[in-house]
Protein backbone atom coordinates (compact mmCIF):
# COMPACT_ATOMS: atom_id res chain seq x y z
CA MET A 1 -16.79 -139.06 -83.14
CA ASP A 2 -16.58 -138.49 -86.88
CA VAL A 3 -14.86 -135.18 -86.33
CA LEU A 4 -12.17 -137.42 -84.17
CA ASN A 5 -12.11 -139.74 -86.74
CA HIS A 6 -11.51 -136.70 -89.25
CA THR A 7 -8.52 -135.68 -86.82
CA PHE A 8 -6.47 -139.01 -86.93
CA ARG A 9 -7.43 -139.84 -90.87
CA THR A 10 -3.62 -140.48 -92.33
CA GLN A 11 -5.27 -140.28 -96.29
CA TRP A 12 -2.04 -139.91 -97.62
CA LYS A 13 -0.22 -143.24 -97.86
CA TYR A 14 3.61 -143.34 -99.47
CA GLY A 15 2.54 -146.68 -101.09
CA ARG A 16 5.63 -148.66 -101.40
CA GLU A 17 7.28 -150.66 -98.73
CA VAL A 18 10.12 -148.36 -96.10
CA LEU A 19 11.63 -151.58 -94.73
CA GLY A 20 10.99 -155.06 -96.69
CA PRO A 21 12.28 -158.42 -95.90
CA SER A 22 15.49 -159.39 -97.43
CA GLY A 23 14.68 -162.73 -98.82
CA ALA A 24 18.20 -164.06 -98.33
CA PRO A 25 18.75 -167.54 -96.88
CA GLY A 26 19.09 -167.89 -93.14
CA ALA A 27 18.92 -164.38 -92.29
CA TYR A 28 15.91 -163.26 -89.31
CA ASP A 29 13.85 -161.55 -92.10
CA GLU A 30 14.15 -163.91 -94.62
CA LYS A 31 10.39 -164.15 -95.09
CA ALA A 32 8.95 -160.97 -93.52
CA VAL A 33 8.96 -157.86 -91.79
CA ASP A 34 6.42 -156.77 -89.34
CA SER A 35 4.93 -155.14 -86.09
CA PRO A 36 6.72 -151.96 -86.52
CA PHE A 37 7.76 -149.25 -83.70
CA VAL A 38 9.13 -146.20 -84.42
CA PHE A 39 11.06 -143.58 -82.09
CA ARG A 40 13.29 -140.95 -82.21
CA HIS A 41 16.45 -141.62 -79.40
CA GLY A 42 20.18 -140.13 -79.49
CA GLY A 43 19.15 -137.92 -82.37
CA ARG A 44 17.67 -140.32 -85.13
CA TYR A 45 14.58 -142.12 -85.56
CA HIS A 46 14.55 -145.94 -84.95
CA MET A 47 12.25 -148.55 -85.53
CA MET A 48 12.23 -151.97 -83.55
CA HIS A 49 10.30 -154.45 -85.79
CA VAL A 50 10.28 -158.04 -86.05
CA GLY A 51 11.47 -160.68 -88.88
CA PHE A 52 10.24 -164.01 -89.85
CA ASP A 53 12.47 -166.18 -90.87
CA GLY A 54 10.48 -169.47 -91.47
CA ILE A 55 11.35 -170.75 -88.39
CA GLY A 56 10.27 -168.12 -85.16
CA TYR A 57 10.21 -164.37 -84.71
CA GLN A 58 13.45 -162.45 -83.96
CA THR A 59 14.20 -158.25 -83.06
CA SER A 60 15.68 -156.07 -84.71
CA ILE A 61 16.15 -151.96 -85.14
CA ALA A 62 16.33 -149.87 -88.02
CA HIS A 63 17.38 -146.39 -88.32
CA SER A 64 16.97 -143.54 -90.44
CA ASP A 65 17.15 -139.72 -90.51
CA ASP A 66 14.13 -139.00 -92.51
CA LEU A 67 11.19 -141.87 -91.66
CA LEU A 68 11.04 -142.68 -95.49
CA HIS A 69 14.92 -144.69 -95.65
CA TRP A 70 15.86 -146.86 -93.33
CA GLU A 71 18.97 -149.29 -92.72
CA LYS A 72 19.01 -152.59 -90.96
CA ASP A 73 21.15 -153.39 -87.87
CA ALA A 74 21.90 -157.13 -86.51
CA PRO A 75 18.97 -159.06 -84.30
CA LEU A 76 18.83 -158.10 -80.70
CA PHE A 77 18.34 -161.69 -79.52
CA ARG A 78 20.22 -164.25 -81.52
CA ARG A 79 18.09 -167.51 -81.28
CA GLU A 80 20.92 -169.49 -80.78
CA GLU A 81 22.05 -167.69 -78.06
CA LEU A 82 18.60 -167.80 -76.25
CA SER A 83 17.54 -170.62 -73.45
CA GLY A 84 14.37 -170.55 -71.25
CA TRP A 85 10.70 -170.44 -72.07
CA ASP A 86 11.33 -167.78 -74.98
CA ALA A 87 14.13 -169.76 -76.20
CA GLY A 88 11.95 -170.19 -79.80
CA GLY A 89 12.74 -166.50 -80.05
CA ILE A 90 11.74 -162.86 -79.35
CA ALA A 91 9.11 -160.40 -80.78
CA GLY A 92 9.81 -157.34 -79.74
CA VAL A 93 7.21 -154.76 -80.21
CA TRP A 94 7.21 -152.08 -77.94
CA ILE A 95 9.29 -149.98 -75.47
CA LEU A 96 8.01 -147.80 -73.07
CA ARG A 97 7.95 -144.08 -74.29
CA GLU A 98 6.40 -140.70 -73.82
CA ASN A 99 2.89 -141.09 -73.47
CA SER A 100 1.97 -137.49 -75.74
CA LEU A 101 0.82 -137.81 -79.11
CA GLN A 102 2.50 -134.90 -80.82
CA GLY A 103 5.86 -134.69 -81.01
CA PRO A 104 8.61 -137.08 -81.34
CA PRO A 105 7.83 -140.21 -79.63
CA ALA A 106 11.11 -140.22 -77.14
CA LEU A 107 11.51 -143.32 -75.09
CA LYS A 108 11.69 -143.26 -71.01
CA GLN A 109 12.94 -144.93 -67.96
CA TRP A 110 11.76 -146.57 -65.44
CA ASP A 111 14.21 -147.34 -62.58
CA GLY A 112 16.88 -145.52 -64.69
CA LYS A 113 15.96 -148.68 -67.14
CA TYR A 114 14.76 -148.52 -70.82
CA TRP A 115 12.03 -151.49 -70.80
CA MET A 116 10.73 -153.54 -74.01
CA VAL A 117 7.86 -155.35 -73.93
CA TYR A 118 7.90 -158.43 -76.30
CA HIS A 119 6.29 -162.05 -76.75
CA SER A 120 7.55 -165.57 -77.36
CA TYR A 121 5.84 -168.81 -79.28
CA PRO A 122 6.77 -171.97 -77.95
CA ASP A 123 7.01 -173.68 -81.24
CA ALA A 124 9.10 -173.86 -84.09
CA GLY A 125 6.61 -171.96 -87.25
CA TYR A 126 4.45 -168.90 -88.38
CA GLU A 127 3.35 -167.92 -84.94
CA ALA A 128 3.29 -171.73 -83.76
CA GLY A 129 1.67 -172.32 -80.06
CA PRO A 130 0.36 -170.39 -77.75
CA ALA A 131 2.74 -166.80 -76.55
CA CYS A 132 2.99 -165.56 -73.44
CA ILE A 133 3.91 -161.99 -72.75
CA GLY A 134 7.64 -160.92 -71.04
CA LEU A 135 9.93 -157.91 -70.68
CA ALA A 136 13.50 -157.05 -70.89
CA TYR A 137 15.53 -153.64 -69.90
CA THR A 138 18.58 -152.09 -70.61
CA GLN A 139 20.81 -148.97 -69.71
CA ASP A 140 22.73 -148.90 -72.57
CA GLU A 141 22.17 -145.91 -74.42
CA THR A 142 22.48 -147.83 -77.87
CA LEU A 143 20.19 -150.15 -76.81
CA ARG A 144 21.83 -153.24 -78.23
CA ASN A 145 22.55 -154.85 -75.03
CA TRP A 146 18.99 -156.37 -73.13
CA THR A 147 19.01 -158.08 -69.82
CA ARG A 148 15.39 -160.65 -70.27
CA LEU A 149 13.52 -160.98 -66.62
CA GLU A 150 14.17 -164.90 -66.08
CA GLN A 151 10.04 -165.50 -66.67
CA PRO A 152 7.03 -163.92 -68.62
CA VAL A 153 5.17 -161.17 -66.68
CA LEU A 154 1.71 -162.59 -68.16
CA ARG A 155 0.99 -166.31 -69.09
CA TRP A 156 -1.83 -167.58 -71.17
CA GLN A 157 -2.55 -170.02 -68.49
CA ASP A 158 -4.01 -167.35 -65.89
CA GLY A 159 -6.01 -165.53 -68.43
CA ALA A 160 -9.95 -166.51 -68.61
CA GLY A 161 -11.12 -168.28 -71.54
CA TRP A 162 -10.85 -165.43 -74.28
CA GLU A 163 -6.85 -165.59 -73.64
CA ARG A 164 -6.50 -168.91 -73.75
CA GLY A 165 -4.97 -169.47 -77.11
CA GLY A 166 -2.35 -167.31 -76.38
CA LEU A 167 -1.01 -163.51 -75.73
CA TYR A 168 0.32 -161.00 -78.50
CA LYS A 169 1.56 -157.79 -78.93
CA GLY A 170 1.75 -155.63 -75.52
CA CYS A 171 2.00 -151.64 -75.34
CA LEU A 172 3.65 -150.33 -72.04
CA VAL A 173 2.02 -147.46 -70.60
CA GLU A 174 3.56 -145.37 -67.30
CA HIS A 175 0.93 -142.62 -66.03
CA GLU A 176 1.23 -141.22 -62.11
CA GLY A 177 3.61 -143.44 -61.11
CA ARG A 178 1.22 -146.79 -62.29
CA LEU A 179 2.49 -149.14 -65.47
CA TYR A 180 -0.32 -150.16 -67.74
CA LEU A 181 0.05 -153.25 -69.65
CA PHE A 182 -2.32 -153.50 -72.92
CA TYR A 183 -1.75 -156.69 -74.99
CA ASN A 184 -4.35 -158.93 -77.46
CA ALA A 185 -5.05 -162.19 -76.65
CA LYS A 186 -7.02 -164.91 -78.99
CA ASP A 187 -9.33 -167.59 -77.63
CA GLY A 188 -7.84 -170.87 -79.84
CA ASP A 189 -6.10 -172.25 -82.18
CA ARG A 190 -8.55 -173.01 -84.96
CA TRP A 191 -9.17 -170.46 -87.64
CA LEU A 192 -11.49 -168.29 -87.15
CA TRP A 193 -10.30 -167.64 -83.32
CA HIS A 194 -11.44 -163.98 -81.94
CA GLU A 195 -8.91 -161.43 -80.60
CA GLN A 196 -9.41 -158.62 -78.22
CA ILE A 197 -7.40 -156.22 -76.00
CA GLY A 198 -6.93 -156.53 -72.35
CA LEU A 199 -5.39 -154.40 -69.50
CA ALA A 200 -3.15 -156.06 -66.76
CA VAL A 201 -1.27 -152.93 -64.35
CA SER A 202 1.77 -153.08 -62.06
CA ASP A 203 3.51 -150.66 -59.43
CA ASP A 204 6.99 -152.21 -60.10
CA MET A 205 7.04 -153.38 -63.45
CA THR A 206 7.62 -156.99 -62.31
CA HIS A 207 4.56 -157.90 -60.79
CA TRP A 208 1.24 -157.75 -62.97
CA THR A 209 -2.85 -157.86 -62.30
CA ARG A 210 -4.94 -158.03 -64.80
CA LEU A 211 -7.70 -155.52 -64.69
CA SER A 212 -10.59 -158.15 -64.84
CA ASP A 213 -11.13 -161.33 -66.37
CA ARG A 214 -13.23 -159.26 -69.82
CA PRO A 215 -11.08 -157.74 -72.20
CA VAL A 216 -11.44 -153.83 -72.73
CA VAL A 217 -11.55 -153.38 -76.29
CA VAL A 218 -14.05 -155.73 -77.77
CA ASN A 219 -14.94 -157.31 -81.24
CA GLY A 220 -17.73 -155.52 -83.26
CA ASP A 221 -20.44 -156.19 -85.33
CA GLY A 222 -18.29 -155.43 -88.42
CA TRP A 223 -14.64 -154.73 -89.80
CA ASP A 224 -13.11 -155.46 -86.22
CA CYS A 225 -15.92 -158.66 -86.04
CA ALA A 226 -13.11 -160.87 -85.50
CA PHE A 227 -10.03 -159.31 -84.02
CA CYS A 228 -9.58 -156.45 -81.94
CA ALA A 229 -5.51 -156.49 -81.51
CA ASP A 230 -1.67 -154.78 -81.11
CA PRO A 231 -2.87 -151.42 -79.15
CA CYS A 232 -1.12 -148.58 -79.67
CA VAL A 233 -1.74 -146.53 -76.67
CA VAL A 234 -1.11 -142.54 -76.79
CA GLN A 235 -2.28 -139.57 -74.73
CA TYR A 236 -4.08 -136.22 -76.56
CA GLY A 237 -4.77 -133.52 -74.44
CA GLY A 238 -6.92 -134.49 -71.77
CA GLU A 239 -7.58 -138.37 -73.10
CA TRP A 240 -6.02 -141.33 -74.26
CA LEU A 241 -6.51 -142.86 -77.75
CA MET A 242 -6.02 -146.47 -78.90
CA PHE A 243 -4.47 -146.82 -82.59
CA TYR A 244 -5.54 -150.48 -82.97
CA TYR A 245 -6.54 -153.30 -85.60
CA GLY A 246 -9.28 -154.35 -86.39
CA TYR A 247 -9.97 -157.75 -88.68
CA ASP A 248 -13.43 -159.60 -90.20
CA GLY A 249 -11.72 -162.49 -91.45
CA ARG A 250 -11.75 -161.24 -94.83
CA HIS A 251 -9.10 -157.69 -94.47
CA ALA A 252 -7.20 -156.02 -91.45
CA GLN A 253 -7.81 -152.17 -91.51
CA GLU A 254 -6.54 -149.57 -88.13
CA GLY A 255 -9.09 -148.62 -85.95
CA LEU A 256 -9.03 -145.99 -83.05
CA ALA A 257 -11.12 -145.68 -79.35
CA ARG A 258 -10.82 -143.26 -76.80
CA SER A 259 -10.82 -143.17 -73.06
CA THR A 260 -10.38 -140.77 -70.41
CA ASP A 261 -9.05 -143.10 -67.50
CA LEU A 262 -7.06 -145.79 -69.62
CA TYR A 263 -9.73 -148.73 -68.11
CA ARG A 264 -13.06 -147.60 -69.48
CA TRP A 265 -12.63 -147.84 -73.93
CA GLU A 266 -15.26 -146.46 -76.83
CA LYS A 267 -14.34 -147.40 -80.36
CA LEU A 268 -15.00 -145.22 -83.46
CA SER A 269 -17.40 -147.02 -85.31
CA ALA A 270 -15.57 -147.08 -88.90
CA PRO A 271 -11.56 -148.06 -89.62
CA ILE A 272 -9.27 -145.08 -89.95
CA LEU A 273 -6.86 -146.59 -92.39
CA CYS A 274 -8.25 -149.05 -94.67
CA ASN A 275 -7.07 -151.59 -96.71
CA GLY A 276 -6.04 -150.66 -100.35
CA GLU A 277 -7.04 -151.58 -104.08
CA PRO A 278 -5.77 -154.36 -105.79
CA GLY A 279 -2.30 -154.13 -106.78
CA SER A 280 -1.51 -152.08 -103.87
CA ILE A 281 0.89 -152.73 -101.35
CA ASP A 282 -1.81 -152.78 -98.65
CA GLU A 283 -4.33 -155.17 -100.94
CA LEU A 284 -5.06 -157.51 -98.21
CA HIS A 285 -3.88 -155.77 -94.76
CA ALA A 286 -2.97 -152.69 -93.09
CA HIS A 287 -2.82 -152.71 -89.94
CA LYS A 288 -0.38 -153.23 -86.22
CA PRO A 289 0.01 -149.46 -86.10
CA SER A 290 2.66 -147.48 -84.92
CA VAL A 291 1.41 -143.62 -84.80
CA PHE A 292 3.24 -139.98 -83.49
CA GLU A 293 2.91 -136.82 -84.63
CA GLU A 294 5.92 -134.26 -85.61
CA ASP A 295 6.03 -130.84 -86.89
CA GLY A 296 1.80 -130.92 -87.23
CA CYS A 297 2.02 -133.67 -89.23
CA LEU A 298 0.57 -137.22 -88.27
CA TYR A 299 2.31 -140.20 -89.11
CA HIS A 300 1.20 -143.65 -89.25
CA PHE A 301 3.41 -146.68 -90.04
CA TYR A 302 1.86 -150.04 -90.48
CA CYS A 303 2.16 -153.64 -91.37
CA ALA A 304 1.62 -153.74 -95.62
CA VAL A 305 0.10 -157.10 -96.78
CA ARG A 306 -0.31 -157.91 -100.69
CA PRO A 307 -0.87 -161.48 -102.02
CA SER A 308 3.10 -162.87 -103.26
CA ALA A 309 3.55 -162.21 -106.79
CA PRO A 310 5.73 -163.52 -109.34
CA GLY A 311 9.17 -161.72 -108.75
CA ASP A 312 9.16 -160.96 -104.77
CA ARG A 313 12.31 -161.67 -102.92
CA ALA A 314 10.15 -163.10 -100.18
CA VAL A 315 7.78 -164.95 -99.69
CA ASN A 316 5.86 -165.38 -96.19
CA PRO A 317 3.21 -168.50 -95.84
CA ASP A 318 0.08 -167.51 -94.46
CA PRO A 319 -2.14 -170.57 -93.17
CA THR A 320 -5.14 -168.14 -92.89
CA GLN A 321 -5.52 -167.95 -96.57
CA SER A 322 -6.14 -171.11 -98.22
CA ASP A 323 -7.51 -169.24 -101.41
CA LEU A 324 -3.26 -168.03 -100.95
CA ASP A 325 -1.72 -171.01 -102.29
CA ALA A 326 1.58 -168.62 -103.18
CA GLY A 327 1.50 -167.02 -99.25
CA GLU A 328 1.88 -163.31 -98.81
CA TYR A 329 4.06 -160.40 -99.14
CA ARG A 330 4.42 -158.81 -95.49
CA CYS A 331 6.39 -155.23 -94.92
CA ILE A 332 6.20 -152.18 -93.29
CA THR A 333 5.30 -148.82 -95.11
CA VAL A 334 3.74 -145.38 -93.60
CA ALA A 335 1.08 -143.09 -93.94
CA SER A 336 0.67 -139.60 -93.32
CA SER A 337 -1.54 -136.53 -92.97
CA GLU A 338 0.67 -134.37 -95.09
CA PRO A 339 1.49 -135.44 -98.94
CA PHE A 340 4.64 -136.87 -98.78
CA CYS A 341 5.70 -134.45 -101.78
CA SER A 342 5.92 -131.62 -98.83
CA ALA A 343 6.52 -134.35 -95.62
CA ARG A 344 10.01 -134.30 -94.74
């Protein structure tokens, strides 16, 4: 396990944001950006991400030619145009992609369509109320026009006790004709709740069955004792890897689990990407992974969080940190297995 830990450790941090909040009043990303999902499509890199405007999450895609300089596009699902169970806003977190960790993270289709996983909260505010998970699809190669399924595919009401606080990030994998939807859920709404990772399966993308009433990745005793969250599942050789983040009530850090069958998972004992030193961009949290390898270099995009500081163009509320009266600064950055002076 120590060898595996070393293999996937991205020790070179870029050290500054690659995508940050705008601070512009009324913009989808006024307060924060979060949950990167990086992929390659149409000859360019793209980063789906969510923005928070003080009311709820909305989804956008940014574009880049070098992985470090990104240009944002307009939101995909404008809140004022939504109706139904997800009218409060859509947090798009994953699009069905090729499974291999090695090589550019290209999208793939199911039934002739691209498929997006998202979740939506019922109330206004920062992750307010228990969320459900939905799916959207498109045949549009620009990835601008999506059709949402009318109902959520996973509801917290149908889950076991560890899911009753709501559902979070989904990760969609297709393997040998079967679909696997990994997700994390929380057990309540009183801080400090617990989050763990579950699995549902499907043969048709619309009807989903939970693997069991228990999570497949559970809280440990140390750095991930409170949260095991935001799965990023990829294939490496003859096994599967799950990048995820753990949280102990103080700091969020990235970890790794492995499996041979997608059902049974073994966690590494220590984080593979830790939060930073005081004053760093990820002083509080380094979490929510999007990981791929290209040209022999491993890229690990993640959400970085530090305490807010005078002069910040945006301040995100953090109701879980009572000692941070000024809030937090939440952005997206990247770490690599090679120094950035020699990376692309």
